Amino acid sequence: MAGGATIATPLSSTARAIYNARSFPHFLVSALRLNSSSRLASLRFALPLGLALSLGACSTLKSLNPWNGDDSQLDAKEDPSKVPVEELYNRGVDALGARNYSTAAKQFDNVEQYYPYSSWAVNAQLMQGYAEYLQTHYTDAIGTLDRFVQLHPAHRDIGYAYYLRSLCYYEQIADIQRDQKGTSDAMAALQEVVNRFPDSSYARDARLKIDLARDHLAGKEMEVGRYYEKQHLYTAAIGRFQRVIDDYQTTNHVPEALHRLTEIYLLLGLPDQAKKTAAVLGHNYPGSEWYEDSYAQLADDGQAPAVPRRDVADRKSFLSRAIGSIF
């Protein structure tokens, strides 16, 4: 690619179709490569060295380590500022292909550090964020991508930068036993992708991940609510279950939340409230086990006729009168 060839942008052509950012991007294949003669020369240099080491395997320790302490015999540490920018960038691409992500990130950082005003530096910054993401160095990747977004808001792959940044947050979501601030941060980053690029493939994937994150937050509320209920802290438990119903209506935790409320209202001696809640549960989730459990509890408490669990129609006809009093 010598002789004034144009720079191959690493992310433009296929980045729009990426869903799994951990897979090695095909667009890197088009990046500038070192010429084949240079690689063959390196290989020819390495081969005799390997043979020399193998032939000397039976020699003495001194022959295997012939250095006599003269520093002039040691190779000087390479100065990245003396290496052509295209070669530094190329090394980063090679390292990504070899899954040596730490080296890749370093080479892309060298491009930006030693050639900050070159056209390569813009692409290198985005590729550095990608390499850091692949190392699961999410904090570093977010910092790099934030800097890219701020410096290059009109870049043609800005959508990918926002999407990759959101993945850095999303993949840090902790289990429901831990604090869920990371989940909220991930939802905010994913929502930004949807807001800025609503018709992109990135937005479609972000919407799916938002739904999963919302379900995760609802699961956390249920976990806390169950704990409060076991501790007989019913007012606190009601608040948690009600929040699931109000704020996370599209998640699969809503049927259980309605059942738990029915259960607590019966324990508190509020049968009318229990029947209304169970009626909402039966109207929206008539075939769920949570509805069957709620109806059984109402029957045990004398608030509903005892009907075999298979007779769903009879249970619905009874509770339909309760739901009619709600609206």
C-alpha atoms as a PDB file:
ATOM      1  CA  MET A   1       0.000   0.000   0.000  1.00  0.00           C
ATOM      2  CA  ALA A   2       2.960   2.306  -0.499  1.00  0.00           C
ATOM      3  CA  GLY A   3       2.939   5.136  -2.965  1.00  0.00           C
ATOM      4  CA  GLY A   4       0.135   7.377  -1.784  1.00  0.00           C
ATOM      5  CA  ALA A   5      -2.587   4.738  -1.315  1.00  0.00           C
ATOM      6  CA  THR A   6      -5.663   5.819   0.577  1.00  0.00           C
ATOM      7  CA  ILE A   7      -6.126   4.848   4.190  1.00  0.00           C
ATOM      8  CA  ALA A   8      -8.471   1.925   4.786  1.00  0.00           C
ATOM      9  CA  THR A   9     -10.915   2.890   7.517  1.00  0.00           C
ATOM     10  CA  PRO A  10     -11.186  -0.061   9.884  1.00  0.00           C
ATOM     11  CA  LEU A  11     -14.847   0.160  10.849  1.00  0.00           C
ATOM     12  CA  SER A  12     -16.880   1.687   8.071  1.00  0.00           C
ATOM     13  CA  SER A  13     -18.047  -1.086   5.779  1.00  0.00           C
ATOM     14  CA  THR A  14     -19.261  -3.893   7.989  1.00  0.00           C
ATOM     15  CA  ALA A  15     -19.468  -2.401  11.460  1.00  0.00           C
ATOM     16  CA  ARG A  16     -23.142  -1.631  10.914  1.00  0.00           C
ATOM     17  CA  ALA A  17     -23.922  -5.357  10.790  1.00  0.00           C
ATOM     18  CA  ILE A  18     -22.072  -6.340  13.963  1.00  0.00           C
ATOM     19  CA  TYR A  19     -24.065  -7.751  16.843  1.00  0.00           C
ATOM     20  CA  ASN A  20     -21.406  -9.758  18.676  1.00  0.00           C
ATOM     21  CA  ALA A  21     -18.579  -7.268  19.106  1.00  0.00           C
ATOM     22  CA  ARG A  22     -16.278  -9.965  20.461  1.00  0.00           C
ATOM     23  CA  SER A  23     -15.992 -11.684  17.096  1.00  0.00           C
ATOM     24  CA  PHE A  24     -13.009 -10.557  15.051  1.00  0.00           C
ATOM     25  CA  PRO A  25     -14.345  -7.881  12.668  1.00  0.00           C
ATOM     26  CA  HIS A  26     -14.142  -8.630   8.980  1.00  0.00           C
ATOM     27  CA  PHE A  27     -13.442  -4.988   8.250  1.00  0.00           C
ATOM     28  CA  LEU A  28      -9.947  -5.397   9.656  1.00  0.00           C
ATOM     29  CA  VAL A  29      -9.036  -7.584   6.713  1.00  0.00           C
ATOM     30  CA  SER A  30      -9.046  -4.480   4.539  1.00  0.00           C
ATOM     31  CA  ALA A  31      -6.613  -2.615   6.774  1.00  0.00           C
ATOM     32  CA  LEU A  32      -3.152  -1.734   5.518  1.00  0.00           C
ATOM     33  CA  ARG A  33      -0.796  -4.718   5.645  1.00  0.00           C
ATOM     34  CA  LEU A  34       2.959  -4.958   5.570  1.00  0.00           C
ATOM     35  CA  ASN A  35       4.216  -6.116   2.183  1.00  0.00           C
ATOM     36  CA  SER A  36       4.872  -9.826   1.802  1.00  0.00           C
ATOM     37  CA  SER A  37       8.594  -9.442   1.097  1.00  0.00           C
ATOM     38  CA  SER A  38       9.128  -7.822   4.501  1.00  0.00           C
ATOM     39  CA  ARG A  39       7.358 -10.720   6.194  1.00  0.00           C
ATOM     40  CA  LEU A  40       9.336 -13.315   4.259  1.00  0.00           C
ATOM     41  CA  ALA A  41      12.564 -11.542   5.152  1.00  0.00           C
ATOM     42  CA  SER A  42      11.597 -11.699   8.813  1.00  0.00           C
ATOM     43  CA  LEU A  43      10.817 -15.390   8.476  1.00  0.00           C
ATOM     44  CA  ARG A  44      14.163 -16.073   6.787  1.00  0.00           C
ATOM     45  CA  PHE A  45      15.890 -14.274   9.617  1.00  0.00           C
ATOM     46  CA  ALA A  46      14.054 -16.208  12.313  1.00  0.00           C
ATOM     47  CA  LEU A  47      14.583 -19.656  10.819  1.00  0.00           C
ATOM     48  CA  PRO A  48      18.415 -19.844  11.114  1.00  0.00           C
ATOM     49  CA  LEU A  49      18.157 -18.485  14.640  1.00  0.00           C
ATOM     50  CA  GLY A  50      15.787 -21.286  15.611  1.00  0.00           C
ATOM     51  CA  LEU A  51      18.043 -23.864  14.036  1.00  0.00           C
ATOM     52  CA  ALA A  52      21.044 -22.455  15.865  1.00  0.00           C
ATOM     53  CA  LEU A  53      19.279 -22.769  19.188  1.00  0.00           C
ATOM     54  CA  SER A  54      18.232 -26.335  18.517  1.00  0.00           C
ATOM     55  CA  LEU A  55      21.701 -27.396  17.368  1.00  0.00           C
ATOM     56  CA  GLY A  56      23.271 -25.899  20.466  1.00  0.00           C
ATOM     57  CA  ALA A  57      20.904 -27.636  22.839  1.00  0.00           C
ATOM     58  CA  CYS A  58      23.526 -30.116  23.940  1.00  0.00           C
ATOM     59  CA  SER A  59      26.228 -27.501  24.453  1.00  0.00           C
ATOM     60  CA  THR A  60      27.236 -25.892  27.706  1.00  0.00           C
ATOM     61  CA  LEU A  61      25.225 -23.265  29.547  1.00  0.00           C
ATOM     62  CA  LYS A  62      27.757 -20.658  28.467  1.00  0.00           C
ATOM     63  CA  SER A  63      27.229 -21.437  24.803  1.00  0.00           C
ATOM     64  CA  LEU A  64      23.496 -21.140  25.250  1.00  0.00           C
ATOM     65  CA  ASN A  65      23.919 -17.755  26.940  1.00  0.00           C
ATOM     66  CA  PRO A  66      26.995 -16.267  25.275  1.00  0.00           C
ATOM     67  CA  TRP A  67      26.421 -12.658  26.378  1.00  0.00           C
ATOM     68  CA  ASN A  68      29.557 -11.375  28.096  1.00  0.00           C
ATOM     69  CA  GLY A  69      27.975  -8.421  29.870  1.00  0.00           C
ATOM     70  CA  ASP A  70      28.690  -5.888  27.136  1.00  0.00           C
ATOM     71  CA  ASP A  71      25.601  -3.663  26.858  1.00  0.00           C
ATOM     72  CA  SER A  72      26.533  -2.735  23.299  1.00  0.00           C
ATOM     73  CA  GLN A  73      25.633  -6.281  22.255  1.00  0.00           C
ATOM     74  CA  LEU A  74      22.020  -5.854  23.410  1.00  0.00           C
ATOM     75  CA  ASP A  75      19.335  -4.661  21.024  1.00  0.00           C
ATOM     76  CA  ALA A  76      18.202  -1.137  21.804  1.00  0.00           C
ATOM     77  CA  LYS A  77      14.573  -0.689  22.861  1.00  0.00           C
ATOM     78  CA  GLU A  78      12.510   0.320  19.891  1.00  0.00           C
ATOM     79  CA  ASP A  79      11.393   3.931  19.762  1.00  0.00           C
ATOM     80  CA  PRO A  80       7.788   3.968  18.454  1.00  0.00           C
ATOM     81  CA  SER A  81       8.267   7.496  17.173  1.00  0.00           C
ATOM     82  CA  LYS A  82      10.808   6.113  14.684  1.00  0.00           C
ATOM     83  CA  VAL A  83       8.400   3.485  13.335  1.00  0.00           C
ATOM     84  CA  PRO A  84       6.185   4.535  10.401  1.00  0.00           C
ATOM     85  CA  VAL A  85       2.610   5.179  11.445  1.00  0.00           C
ATOM     86  CA  GLU A  86       1.198   2.636   9.013  1.00  0.00           C
ATOM     87  CA  GLU A  87       3.434  -0.057  10.475  1.00  0.00           C
ATOM     88  CA  LEU A  88       2.322   0.711  14.033  1.00  0.00           C
ATOM     89  CA  TYR A  89      -1.290   0.513  12.946  1.00  0.00           C
ATOM     90  CA  ASN A  90      -0.574  -2.680  11.042  1.00  0.00           C
ATOM     91  CA  ARG A  91       0.949  -4.272  14.125  1.00  0.00           C
ATOM     92  CA  GLY A  92      -2.220  -3.543  16.025  1.00  0.00           C
ATOM     93  CA  VAL A  93      -4.304  -5.237  13.336  1.00  0.00           C
ATOM     94  CA  ASP A  94      -1.980  -8.256  13.357  1.00  0.00           C
ATOM     95  CA  ALA A  95      -2.172  -8.498  17.139  1.00  0.00           C
ATOM     96  CA  LEU A  96      -5.981  -8.429  17.012  1.00  0.00           C
ATOM     97  CA  GLY A  97      -5.943 -11.240  14.480  1.00  0.00           C
ATOM     98  CA  ALA A  98      -3.678 -13.247  16.798  1.00  0.00           C
ATOM     99  CA  ARG A  99      -5.984 -12.442  19.758  1.00  0.00           C
ATOM    100  CA  ASN A 100      -3.121 -10.630  21.467  1.00  0.00           C
ATOM    101  CA  TYR A 101      -5.393  -7.828  22.582  1.00  0.00           C
ATOM    102  CA  SER A 102      -2.987  -6.186  25.013  1.00  0.00           C
ATOM    103  CA  THR A 103      -0.370  -5.735  22.298  1.00  0.00           C
ATOM    104  CA  ALA A 104      -3.031  -4.501  19.892  1.00  0.00           C
ATOM    105  CA  ALA A 105      -4.212  -1.842  22.327  1.00  0.00           C
ATOM    106  CA  LYS A 106      -0.622  -0.715  22.891  1.00  0.00           C
ATOM    107  CA  GLN A 107       0.114  -0.420  19.172  1.00  0.00           C
ATOM    108  CA  PHE A 108      -3.045   1.600  18.531  1.00  0.00           C
ATOM    109  CA  ASP A 109      -2.173   3.800  21.492  1.00  0.00           C
ATOM    110  CA  ASN A 110       1.285   4.358  19.982  1.00  0.00           C
ATOM    111  CA  VAL A 111      -0.350   5.558  16.766  1.00  0.00           C
ATOM    112  CA  GLU A 112      -2.401   8.119  18.651  1.00  0.00           C
ATOM    113  CA  GLN A 113       0.443   9.148  20.946  1.00  0.00           C
ATOM    114  CA  TYR A 114       3.218   9.571  18.366  1.00  0.00           C
ATOM    115  CA  TYR A 115       1.148  10.558  15.335  1.00  0.00           C
ATOM    116  CA  PRO A 116      -1.788  12.445  16.869  1.00  0.00           C
ATOM    117  CA  TYR A 117      -2.458  14.583  13.804  1.00  0.00           C
ATOM    118  CA  SER A 118      -2.397  11.767  11.282  1.00  0.00           C
ATOM    119  CA  SER A 119      -5.489  10.291   9.683  1.00  0.00           C
ATOM    120  CA  TRP A 120      -4.543   6.983  11.257  1.00  0.00           C
ATOM    121  CA  ALA A 121      -4.919   8.338  14.778  1.00  0.00           C
ATOM    122  CA  VAL A 122      -8.707   8.658  14.530  1.00  0.00           C
ATOM    123  CA  ASN A 123      -9.191   5.037  13.523  1.00  0.00           C
ATOM    124  CA  ALA A 124      -6.549   3.860  15.976  1.00  0.00           C
ATOM    125  CA  GLN A 125      -8.427   5.455  18.859  1.00  0.00           C
ATOM    126  CA  LEU A 126     -11.590   3.535  18.043  1.00  0.00           C
ATOM    127  CA  MET A 127      -9.633   0.320  17.520  1.00  0.00           C
ATOM    128  CA  GLN A 128      -7.894   0.824  20.859  1.00  0.00           C
ATOM    129  CA  GLY A 129     -11.285   0.968  22.545  1.00  0.00           C
ATOM    130  CA  TYR A 130     -12.258  -2.229  20.741  1.00  0.00           C
ATOM    131  CA  ALA A 131      -9.062  -4.003  21.866  1.00  0.00           C
ATOM    132  CA  GLU A 132      -9.602  -2.873  25.464  1.00  0.00           C
ATOM    133  CA  TYR A 133     -13.169  -4.149  25.322  1.00  0.00           C
ATOM    134  CA  LEU A 134     -11.936  -7.550  24.145  1.00  0.00           C
ATOM    135  CA  GLN A 135      -9.622  -7.670  27.162  1.00  0.00           C
ATOM    136  CA  THR A 136     -12.664  -6.915  29.380  1.00  0.00           C
ATOM    137  CA  HIS A 137     -10.847  -3.758  30.486  1.00  0.00           C
ATOM    138  CA  TYR A 138     -14.199  -2.034  30.449  1.00  0.00           C
ATOM    139  CA  THR A 139     -13.246   1.097  32.371  1.00  0.00           C
ATOM    140  CA  ASP A 140     -10.330   1.779  30.022  1.00  0.00           C
ATOM    141  CA  ALA A 141     -12.493   1.051  26.988  1.00  0.00           C
ATOM    142  CA  ILE A 142     -15.243   3.395  28.163  1.00  0.00           C
ATOM    143  CA  GLY A 143     -12.676   6.153  28.699  1.00  0.00           C
ATOM    144  CA  THR A 144     -11.209   5.644  25.231  1.00  0.00           C
ATOM    145  CA  LEU A 145     -14.625   5.545  23.566  1.00  0.00           C
ATOM    146  CA  ASP A 146     -15.849   8.602  25.474  1.00  0.00           C
ATOM    147  CA  ARG A 147     -12.824  10.484  24.203  1.00  0.00           C
ATOM    148  CA  PHE A 148     -13.501   9.301  20.650  1.00  0.00           C
ATOM    149  CA  VAL A 149     -17.140  10.405  20.828  1.00  0.00           C
ATOM    150  CA  GLN A 150     -16.192  13.818  22.140  1.00  0.00           C
ATOM    151  CA  LEU A 151     -13.438  14.430  19.580  1.00  0.00           C
ATOM    152  CA  HIS A 152     -15.114  12.907  16.518  1.00  0.00           C
ATOM    153  CA  PRO A 153     -18.908  13.314  16.848  1.00  0.00           C
ATOM    154  CA  ALA A 154     -19.377  13.320  13.060  1.00  0.00           C
ATOM    155  CA  HIS A 155     -17.293  10.212  12.358  1.00  0.00           C
ATOM    156  CA  ARG A 156     -19.038   7.745  10.068  1.00  0.00           C
ATOM    157  CA  ASP A 157     -18.665   4.976  12.669  1.00  0.00           C
ATOM    158  CA  ILE A 158     -19.828   7.038  15.619  1.00  0.00           C
ATOM    159  CA  GLY A 159     -22.801   4.689  15.981  1.00  0.00           C
ATOM    160  CA  TYR A 160     -20.494   1.762  16.534  1.00  0.00           C
ATOM    161  CA  ALA A 161     -18.569   3.724  19.147  1.00  0.00           C
ATOM    162  CA  TYR A 162     -21.746   4.405  21.128  1.00  0.00           C
ATOM    163  CA  TYR A 163     -22.839   0.792  20.748  1.00  0.00           C
ATOM    164  CA  LEU A 164     -19.472  -0.608  21.871  1.00  0.00           C
ATOM    165  CA  ARG A 165     -19.516   1.755  24.830  1.00  0.00           C
ATOM    166  CA  SER A 166     -22.961   0.476  25.840  1.00  0.00           C
ATOM    167  CA  LEU A 167     -21.702  -3.109  25.661  1.00  0.00           C
ATOM    168  CA  CYS A 168     -18.931  -2.222  28.102  1.00  0.00           C
ATOM    169  CA  TYR A 169     -21.609  -1.249  30.611  1.00  0.00           C
ATOM    170  CA  TYR A 170     -23.952  -4.101  29.744  1.00  0.00           C
ATOM    171  CA  GLU A 171     -21.347  -6.817  30.254  1.00  0.00           C
ATOM    172  CA  GLN A 172     -20.646  -5.532  33.759  1.00  0.00           C
ATOM    173  CA  ILE A 173     -24.194  -6.154  34.990  1.00  0.00           C
ATOM    174  CA  ALA A 174     -23.929  -7.985  38.291  1.00  0.00           C
ATOM    175  CA  ASP A 175     -26.207 -10.734  39.566  1.00  0.00           C
ATOM    176  CA  ILE A 176     -29.311  -9.718  41.495  1.00  0.00           C
ATOM    177  CA  GLN A 177     -27.594 -10.340  44.825  1.00  0.00           C
ATOM    178  CA  ARG A 178     -25.438  -7.243  44.257  1.00  0.00           C
ATOM    179  CA  ASP A 179     -25.971  -3.534  43.762  1.00  0.00           C
ATOM    180  CA  GLN A 180     -27.670  -2.790  40.455  1.00  0.00           C
ATOM    181  CA  LYS A 181     -26.201   0.625  39.670  1.00  0.00           C
ATOM    182  CA  GLY A 182     -24.300  -1.000  36.832  1.00  0.00           C
ATOM    183  CA  THR A 183     -27.573  -2.226  35.358  1.00  0.00           C
ATOM    184  CA  SER A 184     -29.001   1.290  35.440  1.00  0.00           C
ATOM    185  CA  ASP A 185     -25.843   2.643  33.790  1.00  0.00           C
ATOM    186  CA  ALA A 186     -26.090  -0.030  31.096  1.00  0.00           C
ATOM    187  CA  MET A 187     -29.733   0.821  30.403  1.00  0.00           C
ATOM    188  CA  ALA A 188     -28.867   4.511  30.089  1.00  0.00           C
ATOM    189  CA  ALA A 189     -26.025   3.779  27.639  1.00  0.00           C
ATOM    190  CA  LEU A 190     -28.188   1.407  25.600  1.00  0.00           C
ATOM    191  CA  GLN A 191     -31.040   3.896  25.523  1.00  0.00           C
ATOM    192  CA  GLU A 192     -28.645   6.517  24.172  1.00  0.00           C
ATOM    193  CA  VAL A 193     -27.879   4.207  21.261  1.00  0.00           C
ATOM    194  CA  VAL A 194     -31.599   3.830  20.576  1.00  0.00           C
ATOM    195  CA  ASN A 195     -32.234   7.570  20.810  1.00  0.00           C
ATOM    196  CA  ARG A 196     -29.337   8.591  18.584  1.00  0.00           C
ATOM    197  CA  PHE A 197     -29.531   5.801  15.986  1.00  0.00           C
ATOM    198  CA  PRO A 198     -33.150   4.553  16.133  1.00  0.00           C
ATOM    199  CA  ASP A 199     -33.153   2.828  12.738  1.00  0.00           C
ATOM    200  CA  SER A 200     -29.766   1.122  13.009  1.00  0.00           C
ATOM    201  CA  SER A 201     -28.958  -2.504  13.708  1.00  0.00           C
ATOM    202  CA  TYR A 202     -27.235  -1.271  16.849  1.00  0.00           C
ATOM    203  CA  ALA A 203     -30.545   0.141  18.100  1.00  0.00           C
ATOM    204  CA  ARG A 204     -32.365  -3.131  17.447  1.00  0.00           C
ATOM    205  CA  ASP A 205     -29.850  -5.044  19.521  1.00  0.00           C
ATOM    206  CA  ALA A 206     -29.849  -2.322  22.192  1.00  0.00           C
ATOM    207  CA  ARG A 207     -33.628  -2.605  22.575  1.00  0.00           C
ATOM    208  CA  LEU A 208     -33.333  -6.322  23.226  1.00  0.00           C
ATOM    209  CA  LYS A 209     -30.652  -5.741  25.819  1.00  0.00           C
ATOM    210  CA  ILE A 210     -32.726  -3.006  27.475  1.00  0.00           C
ATOM    211  CA  ASP A 211     -35.570  -5.495  27.913  1.00  0.00           C
ATOM    212  CA  LEU A 212     -33.162  -7.978  29.496  1.00  0.00           C
ATOM    213  CA  ALA A 213     -31.758  -5.296  31.782  1.00  0.00           C
ATOM    214  CA  ARG A 214     -35.255  -4.236  32.846  1.00  0.00           C
ATOM    215  CA  ASP A 215     -36.066  -7.844  33.659  1.00  0.00           C
ATOM    216  CA  HIS A 216     -32.876  -7.962  35.705  1.00  0.00           C
ATOM    217  CA  LEU A 217     -33.862  -4.876  37.703  1.00  0.00           C
ATOM    218  CA  ALA A 218     -37.317  -6.324  38.282  1.00  0.00           C
ATOM    219  CA  GLY A 219     -35.684  -9.501  39.542  1.00  0.00           C
ATOM    220  CA  LYS A 220     -33.720  -7.454  42.054  1.00  0.00           C
ATOM    221  CA  GLU A 221     -36.926  -5.813  43.310  1.00  0.00           C
ATOM    222  CA  MET A 222     -38.532  -9.238  43.689  1.00  0.00           C
ATOM    223  CA  GLU A 223     -35.531 -10.545  45.587  1.00  0.00           C
ATOM    224  CA  VAL A 224     -35.725  -7.683  48.082  1.00  0.00           C
ATOM    225  CA  GLY A 225     -39.507  -7.948  48.311  1.00  0.00           C
ATOM    226  CA  ARG A 226     -39.364 -11.651  49.148  1.00  0.00           C
ATOM    227  CA  TYR A 227     -36.811 -10.932  51.855  1.00  0.00           C
ATOM    228  CA  TYR A 228     -39.052  -8.286  53.423  1.00  0.00           C
ATOM    229  CA  GLU A 229     -42.027 -10.627  53.295  1.00  0.00           C
ATOM    230  CA  LYS A 230     -40.084 -13.378  55.067  1.00  0.00           C
ATOM    231  CA  GLN A 231     -39.110 -10.854  57.731  1.00  0.00           C
ATOM    232  CA  HIS A 232     -42.811  -9.867  58.099  1.00  0.00           C
ATOM    233  CA  LEU A 233     -41.992  -6.357  56.917  1.00  0.00           C
ATOM    234  CA  TYR A 234     -45.142  -6.292  54.848  1.00  0.00           C
ATOM    235  CA  THR A 235     -45.331  -2.582  54.097  1.00  0.00           C
ATOM    236  CA  ALA A 236     -41.822  -2.604  52.646  1.00  0.00           C
ATOM    237  CA  ALA A 237     -42.566  -5.782  50.714  1.00  0.00           C
ATOM    238  CA  ILE A 238     -45.738  -4.285  49.224  1.00  0.00           C
ATOM    239  CA  GLY A 239     -43.729  -1.290  48.023  1.00  0.00           C
ATOM    240  CA  ARG A 240     -41.234  -3.526  46.208  1.00  0.00           C
ATOM    241  CA  PHE A 241     -43.868  -5.734  44.565  1.00  0.00           C
ATOM    242  CA  GLN A 242     -45.961  -2.742  43.565  1.00  0.00           C
ATOM    243  CA  ARG A 243     -42.934  -1.148  41.942  1.00  0.00           C
ATOM    244  CA  VAL A 244     -42.439  -4.235  39.793  1.00  0.00           C
ATOM    245  CA  ILE A 245     -46.055  -3.971  38.634  1.00  0.00           C
ATOM    246  CA  ASP A 246     -45.866  -0.224  37.961  1.00  0.00           C
ATOM    247  CA  ASP A 247     -42.356   0.162  36.533  1.00  0.00           C
ATOM    248  CA  TYR A 248     -41.624  -3.209  34.943  1.00  0.00           C
ATOM    249  CA  GLN A 249     -44.943  -4.209  33.413  1.00  0.00           C
ATOM    250  CA  THR A 250     -43.391  -5.998  30.438  1.00  0.00           C
ATOM    251  CA  THR A 251     -41.187  -8.329  32.484  1.00  0.00           C
ATOM    252  CA  ASN A 252     -41.980 -11.889  33.457  1.00  0.00           C
ATOM    253  CA  HIS A 253     -41.878 -11.013  37.163  1.00  0.00           C
ATOM    254  CA  VAL A 254     -45.276  -9.298  37.203  1.00  0.00           C
ATOM    255  CA  PRO A 255     -47.398 -12.459  37.772  1.00  0.00           C
ATOM    256  CA  GLU A 256     -45.399 -13.369  40.868  1.00  0.00           C
ATOM    257  CA  ALA A 257     -45.538  -9.794  42.126  1.00  0.00           C
ATOM    258  CA  LEU A 258     -49.350  -9.849  41.901  1.00  0.00           C
ATOM    259  CA  HIS A 259     -49.432 -13.201  43.662  1.00  0.00           C
ATOM    260  CA  ARG A 260     -47.202 -11.930  46.482  1.00  0.00           C
ATOM    261  CA  LEU A 261     -49.445  -8.919  46.960  1.00  0.00           C
ATOM    262  CA  THR A 262     -52.494 -11.191  47.156  1.00  0.00           C
ATOM    263  CA  GLU A 263     -50.666 -13.303  49.717  1.00  0.00           C
ATOM    264  CA  ILE A 264     -49.699 -10.313  51.861  1.00  0.00           C
ATOM    265  CA  TYR A 265     -53.164  -8.725  51.732  1.00  0.00           C
ATOM    266  CA  LEU A 266     -54.659 -11.956  53.051  1.00  0.00           C
ATOM    267  CA  LEU A 267     -52.080 -12.038  55.856  1.00  0.00           C
ATOM    268  CA  LEU A 268     -52.948  -8.440  56.752  1.00  0.00           C
ATOM    269  CA  GLY A 269     -56.678  -9.208  56.836  1.00  0.00           C
ATOM    270  CA  LEU A 270     -57.516  -7.236  53.691  1.00  0.00           C
ATOM    271  CA  PRO A 271     -59.592  -9.767  51.718  1.00  0.00           C
ATOM    272  CA  ASP A 272     -61.181  -7.264  49.339  1.00  0.00           C
ATOM    273  CA  GLN A 273     -57.779  -5.957  48.286  1.00  0.00           C
ATOM    274  CA  ALA A 274     -56.547  -9.532  47.947  1.00  0.00           C
ATOM    275  CA  LYS A 275     -59.471 -10.470  45.672  1.00  0.00           C
ATOM    276  CA  LYS A 276     -58.987  -7.409  43.475  1.00  0.00           C
ATOM    277  CA  THR A 277     -55.282  -8.143  43.074  1.00  0.00           C
ATOM    278  CA  ALA A 278     -55.970 -11.789  42.291  1.00  0.00           C
ATOM    279  CA  ALA A 279     -58.596 -10.711  39.760  1.00  0.00           C
ATOM    280  CA  VAL A 280     -56.024  -8.573  37.939  1.00  0.00           C
ATOM    281  CA  LEU A 281     -53.675 -11.547  37.974  1.00  0.00           C
ATOM    282  CA  GLY A 282     -56.353 -13.879  36.607  1.00  0.00           C
ATOM    283  CA  HIS A 283     -57.415 -11.418  33.917  1.00  0.00           C
ATOM    284  CA  ASN A 284     -53.902 -10.871  32.569  1.00  0.00           C
ATOM    285  CA  TYR A 285     -52.320 -14.258  33.287  1.00  0.00           C
ATOM    286  CA  PRO A 286     -55.219 -16.742  33.439  1.00  0.00           C
ATOM    287  CA  GLY A 287     -53.127 -19.833  32.842  1.00  0.00           C
ATOM    288  CA  SER A 288     -50.215 -19.055  35.146  1.00  0.00           C
ATOM    289  CA  GLU A 289     -49.302 -21.092  38.195  1.00  0.00           C
ATOM    290  CA  TRP A 290     -49.167 -17.874  40.218  1.00  0.00           C
ATOM    291  CA  TYR A 291     -52.856 -17.332  39.526  1.00  0.00           C
ATOM    292  CA  GLU A 292     -53.680 -20.872  40.565  1.00  0.00           C
ATOM    293  CA  ASP A 293     -51.735 -20.401  43.800  1.00  0.00           C
ATOM    294  CA  SER A 294     -53.476 -17.092  44.509  1.00  0.00           C
ATOM    295  CA  TYR A 295     -56.910 -18.582  43.935  1.00  0.00           C
ATOM    296  CA  ALA A 296     -56.078 -21.541  46.182  1.00  0.00           C
ATOM    297  CA  GLN A 297     -55.068 -19.143  48.963  1.00  0.00           C
ATOM    298  CA  LEU A 298     -58.303 -17.189  48.542  1.00  0.00           C
ATOM    299  CA  ALA A 299     -60.271 -20.444  48.723  1.00  0.00           C
ATOM    300  CA  ASP A 300     -58.386 -21.558  51.831  1.00  0.00           C
ATOM    301  CA  ASP A 301     -59.195 -18.221  53.439  1.00  0.00           C
ATOM    302  CA  GLY A 302     -62.875 -18.578  52.585  1.00  0.00           C
ATOM    303  CA  GLN A 303     -62.795 -15.695  50.090  1.00  0.00           C
ATOM    304  CA  ALA A 304     -63.497 -17.846  47.023  1.00  0.00           C
ATOM    305  CA  PRO A 305     -65.310 -21.137  46.403  1.00  0.00           C
ATOM    306  CA  ALA A 306     -63.107 -24.188  46.377  1.00  0.00           C
ATOM    307  CA  VAL A 307     -62.806 -25.160  42.730  1.00  0.00           C
ATOM    308  CA  PRO A 308     -60.546 -27.904  41.370  1.00  0.00           C
ATOM    309  CA  ARG A 309     -57.494 -26.379  39.741  1.00  0.00           C
ATOM    310  CA  ARG A 310     -58.449 -27.729  36.335  1.00  0.00           C
ATOM    311  CA  ASP A 311     -61.722 -25.728  36.323  1.00  0.00           C
ATOM    312  CA  VAL A 312     -60.223 -22.469  35.197  1.00  0.00           C
ATOM    313  CA  ALA A 313     -63.525 -21.123  33.841  1.00  0.00           C
ATOM    314  CA  ASP A 314     -65.254 -21.317  37.236  1.00  0.00           C
ATOM    315  CA  ARG A 315     -62.376 -19.503  38.934  1.00  0.00           C
ATOM    316  CA  LYS A 316     -62.427 -16.799  36.287  1.00  0.00           C
ATOM    317  CA  SER A 317     -66.193 -16.303  36.571  1.00  0.00           C
ATOM    318  CA  PHE A 318     -65.896 -15.736  40.311  1.00  0.00           C
ATOM    319  CA  LEU A 319     -62.992 -13.327  40.160  1.00  0.00           C
ATOM    320  CA  SER A 320     -64.389 -11.510  37.145  1.00  0.00           C
ATOM    321  CA  ARG A 321     -66.923  -9.963  39.474  1.00  0.00           C
ATOM    322  CA  ALA A 322     -64.043  -8.698  41.610  1.00  0.00           C
ATOM    323  CA  ILE A 323     -62.221  -7.178  38.667  1.00  0.00           C
ATOM    324  CA  GLY A 324     -65.474  -5.567  37.564  1.00  0.00           C
ATOM    325  CA  SER A 325     -65.526  -3.614  40.815  1.00  0.00           C
ATOM    326  CA  ILE A 326     -62.058  -2.242  40.112  1.00  0.00           C
ATOM    327  CA  PHE A 327     -62.869  -0.447  36.840  1.00  0.00           C
END
